[in-house]
Protein backbone atom coordinates (compact mmCIF):
# COMPACT_ATOMS: atom_id res chain seq x y z
CA MET A 1 -11.40 -11.64 4.85
CA SER A 2 -9.07 -8.67 5.00
CA TRP A 3 -6.18 -10.37 3.19
CA ARG A 4 -8.23 -10.41 0.00
CA VAL A 5 -8.61 -6.66 0.07
CA TYR A 6 -5.83 -4.81 -1.67
CA PRO A 7 -5.81 -1.76 -3.91
CA LYS A 8 -7.00 -2.23 -7.45
CA SER A 9 -3.94 -0.31 -8.54
CA GLY A 10 -1.87 -3.49 -8.27
CA LEU A 11 0.28 -5.63 -6.06
CA GLU A 12 3.13 -3.14 -5.69
CA ALA A 13 0.73 -0.46 -4.41
CA ALA A 14 -0.84 -3.01 -2.06
CA LEU A 15 2.55 -3.95 -0.63
CA GLU A 16 3.45 -0.28 -0.19
CA SER A 17 0.17 0.26 1.67
CA LEU A 18 0.87 -2.80 3.82
CA SER A 19 4.30 -1.47 4.73
CA GLU A 20 2.84 1.92 5.68
CA ARG A 21 0.20 0.35 7.95
CA ALA A 22 2.50 -2.19 9.64
CA ALA A 23 3.04 -2.12 13.37
CA ILE A 24 6.81 -2.10 12.81
CA PRO A 25 8.90 -0.38 10.13
CA VAL A 26 9.03 -2.24 6.82
CA ASP A 27 11.80 -1.54 4.33
CA LEU A 28 10.11 -2.46 1.05
CA SER A 29 11.98 -2.88 -2.21
CA CYS A 30 10.22 -4.44 -5.16
CA ALA A 31 10.33 -4.35 -8.91
CA ILE A 32 7.77 -6.76 -10.28
CA ASP A 33 5.64 -7.38 -13.29
CA GLU A 34 1.99 -7.44 -12.28
CA PRO A 35 0.97 -11.06 -11.65
CA SER A 36 -2.46 -12.58 -12.17
CA PRO A 37 -5.08 -11.52 -9.60
CA GLU A 38 -4.93 -14.96 -7.99
CA LEU A 39 -1.16 -14.87 -7.62
CA ALA A 40 -1.26 -11.25 -6.41
CA THR A 41 -3.72 -12.28 -3.69
CA ALA A 42 -1.44 -15.12 -2.58
CA VAL A 43 1.66 -12.92 -2.55
CA TYR A 44 -0.15 -10.21 -0.61
CA PHE A 45 -1.43 -12.75 1.93
CA VAL A 46 2.06 -14.22 2.49
CA ALA A 47 3.59 -10.74 2.86
CA SER A 48 0.86 -9.61 5.24
CA GLU A 49 1.15 -12.70 7.43
CA SER A 50 4.93 -12.49 7.43
CA VAL A 51 4.96 -8.90 8.63
CA THR A 52 2.33 -9.65 11.27
CA ASN A 53 4.20 -12.72 12.51
CA ALA A 54 7.50 -10.83 12.65
CA ALA A 55 5.91 -8.17 14.83
CA LYS A 56 3.95 -10.55 17.08
CA HIS A 57 6.13 -13.61 17.47
CA ALA A 58 9.71 -12.67 16.58
CA ASN A 59 9.82 -9.42 18.52
CA ALA A 60 11.34 -7.88 15.41
CA ASN A 61 11.91 -4.16 15.28
CA LYS A 62 12.08 -3.97 11.46
CA VAL A 63 11.23 -6.06 8.41
CA THR A 64 13.27 -5.82 5.22
CA THR A 65 11.84 -7.21 2.00
């Protein structure tokens, strides 16, 4: 499952990577303390699905987080 794969360097790096790979521009702004691995996985999954859904279903031309 691809949503479980994110850089070992932490959630912030994973979200930055997600924003760079997205089909539409993502304006990412985050300042977080590193959560537990389980919570980081959940946050990454929600962010990934949100960006994907915005591009596919909302016809969005940009995502701001």
